[in-house]
Amino acid sequence: MNVSWLLVLLGYLSGSCTSAVLVCRMMGLADPRQTGSGNPGATNVLRIGGKKAALLTLFLDAAKGFLPVLITQYFAPELSAIVMLAAFLGHLYPVFFGFIGGKGVATAFGGLLAWQWPLALLVLGTWILTVLLFRYSSLGALSAAIGTLCYLWASPTWTISWPVTLMVLLLLWRHRQNIMRLMKDEEPTLKF
């Protein structure tokens, strides 16, 4: 097996470590896949376990996107976007947890941070601004995802790559129920 495949496999396996489930087990909380929204992500962990559990989940989810891409930047930078997609797919379809995962927002952000940190900061700013204005985490994620493609398209130095485009499309697809709830004004808001 050559280095390229090892890096992609590393990305997928890293993404497959479902942080929300591991953090909840470690802290004696209910399984986030069977509690609250049923999504193994930081927002659901916030609702069922509080800020400390949610922040730890958020950090670990971002790290599992960040670290494989950072390693790839050293060994084969041309594969960074593909490894980022692999980590994202691992989060969505984790081999260690029956291929039932989360929506991938934090993992995508971690990958973007290692791949193109200025882009990641723009995306983070979009998420924060949207959440502060509207109080919907899902709307922040949707805005940040669409913003990712807009920022890439508008930049004279960045280019839209197929792995990033696929990642954004999958992220939007994973939020389809949130989109329906937002349209019906049934989506839960975040409390600050």
C-alpha atoms as a PDB file:
ATOM      1  CA  MET A   1       0.000   0.000   0.000  1.00  0.00           C
ATOM      2  CA  ASN A   2       1.497   3.342  -0.998  1.00  0.00           C
ATOM      3  CA  VAL A   3       1.591   6.500   1.103  1.00  0.00           C
ATOM      4  CA  SER A   4      -1.381   8.078  -0.720  1.00  0.00           C
ATOM      5  CA  TRP A   5      -3.747   5.282   0.262  1.00  0.00           C
ATOM      6  CA  LEU A   6      -2.397   5.223   3.814  1.00  0.00           C
ATOM      7  CA  LEU A   7      -3.091   8.936   4.195  1.00  0.00           C
ATOM      8  CA  VAL A   8      -6.634   8.572   2.869  1.00  0.00           C
ATOM      9  CA  LEU A   9      -7.211   5.573   5.160  1.00  0.00           C
ATOM     10  CA  LEU A  10      -5.793   7.532   8.102  1.00  0.00           C
ATOM     11  CA  GLY A  11      -8.247  10.341   7.335  1.00  0.00           C
ATOM     12  CA  TYR A  12     -11.222   7.980   7.185  1.00  0.00           C
ATOM     13  CA  LEU A  13     -10.275   6.083  10.361  1.00  0.00           C
ATOM     14  CA  SER A  14      -9.655   9.338  12.211  1.00  0.00           C
ATOM     15  CA  GLY A  15     -13.080  10.589  11.182  1.00  0.00           C
ATOM     16  CA  SER A  16     -14.649   7.291  12.249  1.00  0.00           C
ATOM     17  CA  CYS A  17     -13.836   7.938  15.911  1.00  0.00           C
ATOM     18  CA  THR A  18     -17.228   9.331  16.898  1.00  0.00           C
ATOM     19  CA  SER A  19     -16.265  11.876  19.543  1.00  0.00           C
ATOM     20  CA  ALA A  20     -19.798  12.504  20.812  1.00  0.00           C
ATOM     21  CA  VAL A  21     -20.318   8.839  21.678  1.00  0.00           C
ATOM     22  CA  LEU A  22     -16.875   8.502  23.254  1.00  0.00           C
ATOM     23  CA  VAL A  23     -17.218  11.699  25.314  1.00  0.00           C
ATOM     24  CA  CYS A  24     -20.696  10.727  26.501  1.00  0.00           C
ATOM     25  CA  ARG A  25     -19.460   7.261  27.531  1.00  0.00           C
ATOM     26  CA  MET A  26     -16.481   8.771  29.319  1.00  0.00           C
ATOM     27  CA  MET A  27     -18.688  11.271  31.195  1.00  0.00           C
ATOM     28  CA  GLY A  28     -21.457   8.791  32.014  1.00  0.00           C
ATOM     29  CA  LEU A  29     -24.011  10.489  29.772  1.00  0.00           C
ATOM     30  CA  ALA A  30     -26.683   8.946  27.580  1.00  0.00           C
ATOM     31  CA  ASP A  31     -25.742   7.828  24.065  1.00  0.00           C
ATOM     32  CA  PRO A  32     -26.275  10.914  21.857  1.00  0.00           C
ATOM     33  CA  ARG A  33     -27.464   8.675  19.015  1.00  0.00           C
ATOM     34  CA  GLN A  34     -30.445   7.664  21.163  1.00  0.00           C
ATOM     35  CA  THR A  35     -31.075  10.919  23.053  1.00  0.00           C
ATOM     36  CA  GLY A  36     -32.089  14.441  22.075  1.00  0.00           C
ATOM     37  CA  SER A  37     -31.928  14.922  18.318  1.00  0.00           C
ATOM     38  CA  GLY A  38     -30.178  11.569  17.851  1.00  0.00           C
ATOM     39  CA  ASN A  39     -27.243  13.253  16.142  1.00  0.00           C
ATOM     40  CA  PRO A  40     -23.792  12.393  17.520  1.00  0.00           C
ATOM     41  CA  GLY A  41     -22.509  15.946  17.374  1.00  0.00           C
ATOM     42  CA  ALA A  42     -21.526  18.764  19.706  1.00  0.00           C
ATOM     43  CA  THR A  43     -24.889  20.562  19.571  1.00  0.00           C
ATOM     44  CA  ASN A  44     -26.777  17.467  20.727  1.00  0.00           C
ATOM     45  CA  VAL A  45     -24.142  16.783  23.386  1.00  0.00           C
ATOM     46  CA  LEU A  46     -24.626  20.366  24.600  1.00  0.00           C
ATOM     47  CA  ARG A  47     -28.333  19.685  25.058  1.00  0.00           C
ATOM     48  CA  ILE A  48     -27.855  16.382  26.901  1.00  0.00           C
ATOM     49  CA  GLY A  49     -24.575  16.908  28.751  1.00  0.00           C
ATOM     50  CA  GLY A  50     -23.797  20.599  29.055  1.00  0.00           C
ATOM     51  CA  LYS A  51     -21.028  22.921  27.919  1.00  0.00           C
ATOM     52  CA  LYS A  52     -18.002  20.922  29.082  1.00  0.00           C
ATOM     53  CA  ALA A  53     -19.056  17.763  27.226  1.00  0.00           C
ATOM     54  CA  ALA A  54     -20.036  19.773  24.144  1.00  0.00           C
ATOM     55  CA  LEU A  55     -16.746  21.699  24.007  1.00  0.00           C
ATOM     56  CA  LEU A  56     -14.741  18.492  24.353  1.00  0.00           C
ATOM     57  CA  THR A  57     -16.801  16.885  21.578  1.00  0.00           C
ATOM     58  CA  LEU A  58     -16.367  19.952  19.366  1.00  0.00           C
ATOM     59  CA  PHE A  59     -12.606  20.002  19.926  1.00  0.00           C
ATOM     60  CA  LEU A  60     -12.190  16.272  19.223  1.00  0.00           C
ATOM     61  CA  ASP A  61     -14.418  16.415  16.132  1.00  0.00           C
ATOM     62  CA  ALA A  62     -12.351  19.296  14.731  1.00  0.00           C
ATOM     63  CA  ALA A  63      -9.090  17.543  15.654  1.00  0.00           C
ATOM     64  CA  LYS A  64     -10.013  14.400  13.747  1.00  0.00           C
ATOM     65  CA  GLY A  65     -10.332  16.523  10.602  1.00  0.00           C
ATOM     66  CA  PHE A  66      -7.333  18.721  11.380  1.00  0.00           C
ATOM     67  CA  LEU A  67      -4.650  16.129  12.231  1.00  0.00           C
ATOM     68  CA  PRO A  68      -4.860  13.864   9.156  1.00  0.00           C
ATOM     69  CA  VAL A  69      -4.897  16.888   6.839  1.00  0.00           C
ATOM     70  CA  LEU A  70      -1.966  18.450   8.684  1.00  0.00           C
ATOM     71  CA  ILE A  71       0.010  15.201   8.307  1.00  0.00           C
ATOM     72  CA  THR A  72      -0.946  15.060   4.624  1.00  0.00           C
ATOM     73  CA  GLN A  73       0.218  18.655   4.118  1.00  0.00           C
ATOM     74  CA  TYR A  74       3.685  17.450   5.138  1.00  0.00           C
ATOM     75  CA  PHE A  75       3.853  14.237   3.077  1.00  0.00           C
ATOM     76  CA  ALA A  76       1.589  14.855   0.072  1.00  0.00           C
ATOM     77  CA  PRO A  77      -0.058  18.313   0.078  1.00  0.00           C
ATOM     78  CA  GLU A  78      -1.785  17.625  -3.232  1.00  0.00           C
ATOM     79  CA  LEU A  79      -3.916  15.008  -1.415  1.00  0.00           C
ATOM     80  CA  SER A  80      -5.009  17.307   1.416  1.00  0.00           C
ATOM     81  CA  ALA A  81      -8.528  17.963   0.105  1.00  0.00           C
ATOM     82  CA  ILE A  82      -9.067  14.237  -0.522  1.00  0.00           C
ATOM     83  CA  VAL A  83      -7.882  13.332   2.987  1.00  0.00           C
ATOM     84  CA  MET A  84     -10.160  16.048   4.380  1.00  0.00           C
ATOM     85  CA  LEU A  85     -13.075  14.457   2.514  1.00  0.00           C
ATOM     86  CA  ALA A  86     -12.055  11.024   3.844  1.00  0.00           C
ATOM     87  CA  ALA A  87     -12.094  12.293   7.458  1.00  0.00           C
ATOM     88  CA  PHE A  88     -15.458  13.935   6.826  1.00  0.00           C
ATOM     89  CA  LEU A  89     -16.852  10.693   5.362  1.00  0.00           C
ATOM     90  CA  GLY A  90     -15.500   8.824   8.379  1.00  0.00           C
ATOM     91  CA  HIS A  91     -17.515  11.136  10.618  1.00  0.00           C
ATOM     92  CA  LEU A  92     -20.668  10.662   8.530  1.00  0.00           C
ATOM     93  CA  TYR A  93     -20.211   6.897   8.101  1.00  0.00           C
ATOM     94  CA  PRO A  94     -17.940   5.674  10.935  1.00  0.00           C
ATOM     95  CA  VAL A  95     -16.696   2.114  10.570  1.00  0.00           C
ATOM     96  CA  PHE A  96     -16.400   1.805  14.372  1.00  0.00           C
ATOM     97  CA  PHE A  97     -20.037   2.763  15.024  1.00  0.00           C
ATOM     98  CA  GLY A  98     -22.083   0.879  12.439  1.00  0.00           C
ATOM     99  CA  PHE A  99     -21.671   3.537   9.730  1.00  0.00           C
ATOM    100  CA  ILE A 100     -24.144   5.815  11.553  1.00  0.00           C
ATOM    101  CA  GLY A 101     -22.498   9.149  12.250  1.00  0.00           C
ATOM    102  CA  GLY A 102     -23.065  12.853  12.583  1.00  0.00           C
ATOM    103  CA  LYS A 103     -23.325  15.741  10.190  1.00  0.00           C
ATOM    104  CA  GLY A 104     -19.621  16.560   9.992  1.00  0.00           C
ATOM    105  CA  VAL A 105     -19.545  20.311  10.593  1.00  0.00           C
ATOM    106  CA  ALA A 106     -16.691  20.392  13.135  1.00  0.00           C
ATOM    107  CA  THR A 107     -14.703  17.716  11.286  1.00  0.00           C
ATOM    108  CA  ALA A 108     -15.023  19.686   8.038  1.00  0.00           C
ATOM    109  CA  PHE A 109     -13.912  22.844   9.850  1.00  0.00           C
ATOM    110  CA  GLY A 110     -10.861  21.069  11.311  1.00  0.00           C
ATOM    111  CA  GLY A 111      -9.894  19.829   7.866  1.00  0.00           C
ATOM    112  CA  LEU A 112     -10.326  23.298   6.370  1.00  0.00           C
ATOM    113  CA  LEU A 113      -8.215  24.781   9.164  1.00  0.00           C
ATOM    114  CA  ALA A 114      -5.279  22.513   8.297  1.00  0.00           C
ATOM    115  CA  TRP A 115      -5.813  22.843   4.519  1.00  0.00           C
ATOM    116  CA  GLN A 116      -6.490  26.598   4.118  1.00  0.00           C
ATOM    117  CA  TRP A 117      -6.610  28.331   7.498  1.00  0.00           C
ATOM    118  CA  PRO A 118      -7.715  31.768   6.176  1.00  0.00           C
ATOM    119  CA  LEU A 119     -10.684  30.071   4.487  1.00  0.00           C
ATOM    120  CA  ALA A 120     -11.473  28.230   7.733  1.00  0.00           C
ATOM    121  CA  LEU A 121     -11.514  31.514   9.662  1.00  0.00           C
ATOM    122  CA  LEU A 122     -13.919  33.057   7.125  1.00  0.00           C
ATOM    123  CA  VAL A 123     -16.150  29.998   7.424  1.00  0.00           C
ATOM    124  CA  LEU A 124     -15.999  30.125  11.239  1.00  0.00           C
ATOM    125  CA  GLY A 125     -16.885  33.832  11.161  1.00  0.00           C
ATOM    126  CA  THR A 126     -19.893  33.035   8.969  1.00  0.00           C
ATOM    127  CA  TRP A 127     -21.066  30.347  11.395  1.00  0.00           C
ATOM    128  CA  ILE A 128     -20.608  32.579  14.464  1.00  0.00           C
ATOM    129  CA  LEU A 129     -22.357  35.568  12.896  1.00  0.00           C
ATOM    130  CA  THR A 130     -25.298  33.460  11.729  1.00  0.00           C
ATOM    131  CA  VAL A 131     -25.698  31.760  15.115  1.00  0.00           C
ATOM    132  CA  LEU A 132     -25.477  35.059  16.996  1.00  0.00           C
ATOM    133  CA  LEU A 133     -28.054  36.674  14.740  1.00  0.00           C
ATOM    134  CA  PHE A 134     -30.529  33.799  14.421  1.00  0.00           C
ATOM    135  CA  ARG A 135     -29.660  31.363  17.280  1.00  0.00           C
ATOM    136  CA  TYR A 136     -29.838  28.264  15.069  1.00  0.00           C
ATOM    137  CA  SER A 137     -26.747  26.069  15.011  1.00  0.00           C
ATOM    138  CA  SER A 138     -27.996  24.277  11.905  1.00  0.00           C
ATOM    139  CA  LEU A 139     -28.511  27.555  10.033  1.00  0.00           C
ATOM    140  CA  GLY A 140     -24.969  28.542  10.976  1.00  0.00           C
ATOM    141  CA  ALA A 141     -23.687  25.255   9.562  1.00  0.00           C
ATOM    142  CA  LEU A 142     -25.676  25.672   6.354  1.00  0.00           C
ATOM    143  CA  SER A 143     -24.483  29.265   5.923  1.00  0.00           C
ATOM    144  CA  ALA A 144     -20.879  28.256   6.578  1.00  0.00           C
ATOM    145  CA  ALA A 145     -21.096  25.371   4.086  1.00  0.00           C
ATOM    146  CA  ILE A 146     -22.485  27.554   1.314  1.00  0.00           C
ATOM    147  CA  GLY A 147     -20.024  30.271   2.304  1.00  0.00           C
ATOM    148  CA  THR A 148     -17.145  27.837   1.809  1.00  0.00           C
ATOM    149  CA  LEU A 149     -17.954  27.451  -1.881  1.00  0.00           C
ATOM    150  CA  CYS A 150     -18.667  31.177  -2.284  1.00  0.00           C
ATOM    151  CA  TYR A 151     -15.336  32.157  -0.702  1.00  0.00           C
ATOM    152  CA  LEU A 152     -13.453  29.653  -2.851  1.00  0.00           C
ATOM    153  CA  TRP A 153     -15.210  30.848  -5.984  1.00  0.00           C
ATOM    154  CA  ALA A 154     -14.625  34.535  -5.216  1.00  0.00           C
ATOM    155  CA  SER A 155     -10.961  34.195  -4.314  1.00  0.00           C
ATOM    156  CA  PRO A 156      -8.306  34.820  -6.962  1.00  0.00           C
ATOM    157  CA  THR A 157      -5.898  32.387  -5.276  1.00  0.00           C
ATOM    158  CA  TRP A 158      -8.112  29.524  -4.057  1.00  0.00           C
ATOM    159  CA  THR A 159      -9.852  27.095  -6.348  1.00  0.00           C
ATOM    160  CA  ILE A 160     -12.931  24.975  -5.787  1.00  0.00           C
ATOM    161  CA  SER A 161     -11.930  21.335  -5.694  1.00  0.00           C
ATOM    162  CA  TRP A 162     -14.236  18.383  -6.177  1.00  0.00           C
ATOM    163  CA  PRO A 163     -13.566  16.952  -2.674  1.00  0.00           C
ATOM    164  CA  VAL A 164     -14.584  20.236  -1.025  1.00  0.00           C
ATOM    165  CA  THR A 165     -17.641  20.566  -3.272  1.00  0.00           C
ATOM    166  CA  LEU A 166     -18.702  17.003  -2.456  1.00  0.00           C
ATOM    167  CA  MET A 167     -18.142  17.639   1.246  1.00  0.00           C
ATOM    168  CA  VAL A 168     -20.368  20.745   1.144  1.00  0.00           C
ATOM    169  CA  LEU A 169     -23.098  18.932  -0.788  1.00  0.00           C
ATOM    170  CA  LEU A 170     -23.056  16.033   1.691  1.00  0.00           C
ATOM    171  CA  LEU A 171     -23.159  18.452   4.608  1.00  0.00           C
ATOM    172  CA  LEU A 172     -26.225  20.131   3.113  1.00  0.00           C
ATOM    173  CA  TRP A 173     -27.824  16.723   2.521  1.00  0.00           C
ATOM    174  CA  ARG A 174     -27.162  15.669   6.123  1.00  0.00           C
ATOM    175  CA  HIS A 175     -28.992  18.812   7.266  1.00  0.00           C
ATOM    176  CA  ARG A 176     -32.099  18.169   5.145  1.00  0.00           C
ATOM    177  CA  GLN A 177     -34.296  17.531   8.216  1.00  0.00           C
ATOM    178  CA  ASN A 178     -32.968  20.702   9.827  1.00  0.00           C
ATOM    179  CA  ILE A 179     -33.834  22.602   6.645  1.00  0.00           C
ATOM    180  CA  MET A 180     -37.396  21.280   6.806  1.00  0.00           C
ATOM    181  CA  ARG A 181     -37.693  22.242  10.485  1.00  0.00           C
ATOM    182  CA  LEU A 182     -36.280  25.703   9.758  1.00  0.00           C
ATOM    183  CA  MET A 183     -38.857  26.185   7.007  1.00  0.00           C
ATOM    184  CA  LYS A 184     -41.642  25.162   9.425  1.00  0.00           C
ATOM    185  CA  ASP A 185     -40.176  27.264  12.256  1.00  0.00           C
ATOM    186  CA  GLU A 186     -39.766  24.100  14.353  1.00  0.00           C
ATOM    187  CA  GLU A 187     -35.962  24.028  14.680  1.00  0.00           C
ATOM    188  CA  PRO A 188     -34.728  24.368  18.294  1.00  0.00           C
ATOM    189  CA  THR A 189     -32.664  27.461  19.021  1.00  0.00           C
ATOM    190  CA  LEU A 190     -29.440  27.661  20.996  1.00  0.00           C
ATOM    191  CA  LYS A 191     -29.544  29.237  24.415  1.00  0.00           C
ATOM    192  CA  PHE A 192     -26.560  31.426  25.352  1.00  0.00           C
END
